[in-house]
N, C-alpha and C. Protein backbone atom coordinates (compact mmCIF):
# COMPACT_ATOMS: atom_id res chain seq x y z
N MET A 1 -13.14 6.83 3.26
CA MET A 1 -12.36 6.19 4.31
C MET A 1 -10.86 6.45 4.13
N LEU A 2 -10.37 6.44 2.90
CA LEU A 2 -8.93 6.63 2.69
C LEU A 2 -8.42 7.93 3.29
N GLU A 3 -9.23 8.98 3.25
CA GLU A 3 -8.78 10.28 3.76
C GLU A 3 -8.57 10.28 5.27
N SER A 4 -9.16 9.31 5.98
CA SER A 4 -8.99 9.26 7.44
C SER A 4 -7.82 8.37 7.88
N LEU A 5 -7.20 7.67 6.95
CA LEU A 5 -6.10 6.77 7.29
C LEU A 5 -4.80 7.53 7.48
N THR A 6 -3.95 7.03 8.37
CA THR A 6 -2.62 7.58 8.61
C THR A 6 -1.62 6.44 8.55
N HIS A 7 -0.32 6.77 8.61
CA HIS A 7 0.67 5.68 8.62
C HIS A 7 0.47 4.81 9.85
N GLY A 8 -0.01 5.41 10.96
CA GLY A 8 -0.29 4.63 12.16
C GLY A 8 -1.39 3.60 11.98
N SER A 9 -2.29 3.85 11.04
CA SER A 9 -3.35 2.89 10.74
C SER A 9 -2.78 1.58 10.20
N PHE A 10 -1.59 1.67 9.62
CA PHE A 10 -0.98 0.51 8.96
C PHE A 10 0.20 -0.08 9.74
N GLU A 11 0.79 0.68 10.67
CA GLU A 11 2.00 0.22 11.37
C GLU A 11 1.82 -1.15 12.02
N THR A 12 0.68 -1.38 12.63
CA THR A 12 0.47 -2.66 13.32
C THR A 12 0.20 -3.80 12.35
N LEU A 13 0.07 -3.48 11.07
CA LEU A 13 -0.22 -4.51 10.07
C LEU A 13 1.02 -4.92 9.27
N LEU A 14 2.19 -4.40 9.64
CA LEU A 14 3.42 -4.78 8.93
C LEU A 14 3.59 -6.29 8.98
N GLY A 15 3.95 -6.86 7.84
CA GLY A 15 4.13 -8.31 7.74
C GLY A 15 2.85 -9.05 7.43
N GLN A 16 1.72 -8.35 7.42
CA GLN A 16 0.45 -9.01 7.13
C GLN A 16 0.12 -8.93 5.65
N ARG A 17 -0.77 -9.80 5.25
CA ARG A 17 -1.13 -9.89 3.83
C ARG A 17 -2.45 -9.19 3.54
N PHE A 18 -2.48 -8.56 2.38
CA PHE A 18 -3.68 -7.92 1.85
C PHE A 18 -4.05 -8.71 0.60
N GLU A 19 -5.30 -9.11 0.52
CA GLU A 19 -5.75 -9.88 -0.64
C GLU A 19 -5.97 -8.93 -1.80
N LEU A 20 -5.47 -9.32 -2.94
CA LEU A 20 -5.57 -8.54 -4.16
C LEU A 20 -6.40 -9.33 -5.15
N SER A 21 -7.52 -8.80 -5.55
CA SER A 21 -8.35 -9.46 -6.56
C SER A 21 -8.25 -8.66 -7.83
N SER A 22 -7.57 -9.21 -8.80
CA SER A 22 -7.41 -8.51 -10.08
C SER A 22 -7.38 -9.53 -11.21
N GLU A 23 -7.63 -9.05 -12.37
CA GLU A 23 -7.55 -9.88 -13.55
C GLU A 23 -6.10 -9.87 -14.04
N PRO A 24 -5.56 -10.96 -14.47
CA PRO A 24 -6.18 -12.26 -14.62
C PRO A 24 -6.03 -13.18 -13.41
N ALA A 25 -5.37 -12.73 -12.36
CA ALA A 25 -5.09 -13.63 -11.23
C ALA A 25 -5.37 -12.94 -9.91
N SER A 26 -5.65 -13.72 -8.90
CA SER A 26 -5.76 -13.20 -7.54
C SER A 26 -4.48 -13.56 -6.80
N SER A 27 -4.07 -12.70 -5.91
CA SER A 27 -2.83 -12.91 -5.19
C SER A 27 -2.91 -12.17 -3.87
N CYS A 28 -1.83 -12.20 -3.12
CA CYS A 28 -1.73 -11.44 -1.88
C CYS A 28 -0.49 -10.57 -1.94
N LEU A 29 -0.59 -9.39 -1.32
CA LEU A 29 0.55 -8.51 -1.18
C LEU A 29 0.83 -8.36 0.31
N GLU A 30 2.09 -8.44 0.67
CA GLU A 30 2.50 -8.29 2.07
C GLU A 30 2.89 -6.83 2.31
N LEU A 31 2.38 -6.25 3.37
CA LEU A 31 2.76 -4.89 3.74
C LEU A 31 4.12 -4.94 4.42
N ILE A 32 5.13 -4.29 3.83
CA ILE A 32 6.48 -4.35 4.40
C ILE A 32 6.99 -3.02 4.93
N CYS A 33 6.27 -1.91 4.66
CA CYS A 33 6.71 -0.61 5.13
C CYS A 33 5.50 0.32 5.25
N ALA A 34 5.45 1.08 6.34
CA ALA A 34 4.45 2.13 6.54
C ALA A 34 5.18 3.26 7.26
N GLU A 35 5.51 4.33 6.54
CA GLU A 35 6.33 5.40 7.12
C GLU A 35 5.77 6.77 6.77
N PRO A 36 5.90 7.72 7.70
CA PRO A 36 5.50 9.10 7.39
C PRO A 36 6.47 9.71 6.39
N LEU A 37 5.99 10.71 5.65
CA LEU A 37 6.82 11.46 4.71
C LEU A 37 6.99 12.88 5.22
N ASP A 38 7.90 13.59 4.62
CA ASP A 38 8.15 14.98 4.99
C ASP A 38 6.86 15.78 4.88
N SER A 39 6.53 16.51 5.92
CA SER A 39 5.27 17.25 5.93
C SER A 39 5.46 18.75 5.74
N ARG A 40 6.68 19.19 5.42
CA ARG A 40 6.89 20.62 5.17
C ARG A 40 6.00 21.07 4.02
N GLY A 41 5.33 22.18 4.23
CA GLY A 41 4.49 22.73 3.18
C GLY A 41 3.06 22.22 3.20
N LYS A 42 2.75 21.30 4.11
CA LYS A 42 1.37 20.81 4.15
C LYS A 42 0.48 21.86 4.81
N ALA A 43 -0.77 21.85 4.46
CA ALA A 43 -1.74 22.80 5.01
C ALA A 43 -1.96 22.51 6.50
N PRO A 44 -2.15 23.56 7.29
CA PRO A 44 -2.44 23.35 8.71
C PRO A 44 -3.68 22.46 8.87
N GLY A 45 -3.58 21.48 9.75
CA GLY A 45 -4.69 20.56 9.99
C GLY A 45 -4.76 19.39 9.03
N ALA A 46 -3.93 19.41 7.97
CA ALA A 46 -3.92 18.29 7.02
C ALA A 46 -3.19 17.11 7.63
N ARG A 47 -3.53 15.93 7.20
CA ARG A 47 -2.86 14.75 7.76
C ARG A 47 -1.40 14.69 7.31
N GLN A 48 -0.61 14.00 8.10
CA GLN A 48 0.80 13.75 7.81
C GLN A 48 0.87 12.85 6.56
N PRO A 49 1.56 13.28 5.51
CA PRO A 49 1.72 12.41 4.35
C PRO A 49 2.47 11.13 4.76
N PHE A 50 2.17 10.03 4.08
CA PHE A 50 2.85 8.78 4.38
C PHE A 50 2.88 7.90 3.14
N HIS A 51 3.70 6.87 3.20
CA HIS A 51 3.73 5.91 2.10
C HIS A 51 3.74 4.50 2.66
N LEU A 52 3.26 3.60 1.82
CA LEU A 52 3.24 2.17 2.12
C LEU A 52 4.02 1.46 1.04
N ILE A 53 4.69 0.38 1.42
CA ILE A 53 5.32 -0.49 0.42
C ILE A 53 4.80 -1.90 0.66
N PHE A 54 4.35 -2.49 -0.43
CA PHE A 54 3.84 -3.86 -0.43
C PHE A 54 4.78 -4.72 -1.26
N ARG A 55 4.82 -6.01 -0.94
CA ARG A 55 5.61 -6.96 -1.73
C ARG A 55 4.69 -8.08 -2.19
N GLY A 56 4.81 -8.40 -3.47
CA GLY A 56 4.04 -9.50 -4.05
C GLY A 56 4.97 -10.52 -4.68
N PRO A 57 4.39 -11.52 -5.30
CA PRO A 57 5.21 -12.55 -5.95
C PRO A 57 6.07 -11.95 -7.06
N ARG A 58 7.27 -12.46 -7.19
CA ARG A 58 8.20 -11.96 -8.21
C ARG A 58 7.66 -12.17 -9.62
N GLU A 59 6.95 -13.28 -9.83
CA GLU A 59 6.49 -13.62 -11.18
C GLU A 59 5.28 -12.82 -11.63
N LEU A 60 4.61 -12.11 -10.72
CA LEU A 60 3.44 -11.31 -11.08
C LEU A 60 3.80 -9.84 -10.96
N VAL A 61 3.91 -9.15 -12.10
CA VAL A 61 4.23 -7.72 -12.09
C VAL A 61 2.95 -6.96 -12.45
N LEU A 62 2.46 -6.21 -11.48
CA LEU A 62 1.23 -5.45 -11.66
C LEU A 62 1.51 -4.11 -12.34
N ALA A 63 0.59 -3.66 -13.17
CA ALA A 63 0.70 -2.35 -13.79
C ALA A 63 0.34 -1.26 -12.78
N GLN A 64 0.80 -0.07 -13.03
CA GLN A 64 0.47 1.09 -12.18
C GLN A 64 -1.00 1.42 -12.37
N ARG A 65 -1.80 1.31 -11.29
CA ARG A 65 -3.22 1.66 -11.35
C ARG A 65 -3.85 1.47 -9.97
N ILE A 66 -5.14 1.69 -9.87
CA ILE A 66 -5.87 1.48 -8.62
C ILE A 66 -6.24 0.01 -8.50
N TYR A 67 -5.98 -0.56 -7.32
CA TYR A 67 -6.33 -1.96 -7.03
C TYR A 67 -7.19 -2.02 -5.77
N ALA A 68 -8.08 -2.98 -5.73
CA ALA A 68 -8.88 -3.24 -4.53
C ALA A 68 -8.10 -4.23 -3.67
N LEU A 69 -7.70 -3.76 -2.48
CA LEU A 69 -6.98 -4.60 -1.52
C LEU A 69 -7.89 -4.86 -0.34
N THR A 70 -7.96 -6.11 0.10
CA THR A 70 -8.84 -6.49 1.20
C THR A 70 -8.03 -6.94 2.40
N HIS A 71 -8.37 -6.40 3.56
CA HIS A 71 -7.77 -6.80 4.84
C HIS A 71 -8.86 -6.72 5.89
N SER A 72 -8.83 -7.62 6.85
CA SER A 72 -9.89 -7.65 7.87
C SER A 72 -9.96 -6.37 8.68
N ALA A 73 -8.87 -5.62 8.79
CA ALA A 73 -8.87 -4.38 9.57
C ALA A 73 -9.65 -3.25 8.88
N PHE A 74 -9.75 -3.31 7.55
CA PHE A 74 -10.37 -2.22 6.80
C PHE A 74 -11.51 -2.66 5.89
N GLY A 75 -11.57 -3.91 5.56
CA GLY A 75 -12.46 -4.33 4.48
C GLY A 75 -11.72 -4.10 3.18
N VAL A 76 -12.41 -3.53 2.20
CA VAL A 76 -11.80 -3.29 0.90
C VAL A 76 -11.33 -1.84 0.81
N LEU A 77 -10.07 -1.67 0.42
CA LEU A 77 -9.50 -0.34 0.17
C LEU A 77 -9.09 -0.27 -1.29
N GLU A 78 -9.46 0.79 -1.97
CA GLU A 78 -8.99 0.99 -3.34
C GLU A 78 -7.78 1.91 -3.28
N ILE A 79 -6.62 1.34 -3.62
CA ILE A 79 -5.34 2.03 -3.46
C ILE A 79 -4.59 2.06 -4.78
N PHE A 80 -4.02 3.24 -5.10
CA PHE A 80 -3.20 3.39 -6.30
C PHE A 80 -1.81 2.85 -6.00
N LEU A 81 -1.43 1.80 -6.72
CA LEU A 81 -0.12 1.16 -6.53
C LEU A 81 0.78 1.44 -7.73
N VAL A 82 2.04 1.70 -7.41
CA VAL A 82 3.06 1.94 -8.43
C VAL A 82 4.16 0.89 -8.26
N PRO A 83 4.47 0.12 -9.31
CA PRO A 83 5.57 -0.83 -9.18
C PRO A 83 6.90 -0.08 -9.02
N ILE A 84 7.69 -0.50 -8.03
CA ILE A 84 8.99 0.15 -7.80
C ILE A 84 10.15 -0.81 -7.98
N GLY A 85 9.85 -2.01 -8.44
CA GLY A 85 10.91 -2.96 -8.76
C GLY A 85 11.01 -4.10 -7.76
N PRO A 86 11.79 -5.11 -8.13
CA PRO A 86 11.93 -6.27 -7.25
C PRO A 86 12.95 -6.04 -6.15
N ASP A 87 12.78 -6.77 -5.05
CA ASP A 87 13.83 -6.89 -4.04
C ASP A 87 14.22 -8.36 -4.00
N GLN A 88 14.92 -8.78 -2.97
CA GLN A 88 15.40 -10.16 -2.91
C GLN A 88 14.27 -11.18 -2.76
N SER A 89 13.07 -10.73 -2.36
CA SER A 89 11.98 -11.66 -2.08
C SER A 89 10.78 -11.56 -3.00
N GLY A 90 10.69 -10.53 -3.81
CA GLY A 90 9.53 -10.39 -4.69
C GLY A 90 9.46 -9.03 -5.35
N GLN A 91 8.32 -8.74 -5.93
CA GLN A 91 8.06 -7.48 -6.63
C GLN A 91 7.46 -6.48 -5.65
N CYS A 92 7.96 -5.24 -5.62
CA CYS A 92 7.50 -4.24 -4.65
C CYS A 92 6.67 -3.16 -5.32
N TYR A 93 5.73 -2.62 -4.53
CA TYR A 93 4.80 -1.59 -4.99
C TYR A 93 4.68 -0.52 -3.91
N GLU A 94 4.53 0.73 -4.34
CA GLU A 94 4.40 1.83 -3.40
C GLU A 94 3.04 2.49 -3.55
N ALA A 95 2.47 2.91 -2.43
CA ALA A 95 1.27 3.74 -2.39
C ALA A 95 1.60 4.96 -1.55
N VAL A 96 1.31 6.16 -2.08
CA VAL A 96 1.60 7.41 -1.37
C VAL A 96 0.29 8.08 -1.02
N PHE A 97 0.19 8.53 0.23
CA PHE A 97 -0.99 9.23 0.72
C PHE A 97 -0.54 10.63 1.13
N ALA A 98 -1.00 11.64 0.41
CA ALA A 98 -0.59 13.02 0.68
C ALA A 98 -1.65 13.75 1.48
């Protein structure tokens, strides 16, 4: 399923929460950005690369790894998240789809 997703799949979900079930705690991440990336050099017919940025609680810093995120639009998605640091409202994570 992940290979069929585009940044447009997520644009309408900005500001919505994705449930994160991980040890030792469960939490929610808010989708705050869904943008296309530079597509120069991509293979003809390949999807437009894009990235997502999620925000979680400031006090919970997740390690870089694959997490199962649940949203009613998709069910469960296993997405590789990378912590990119805090902003004024919480801890931010990036997922890149090439």
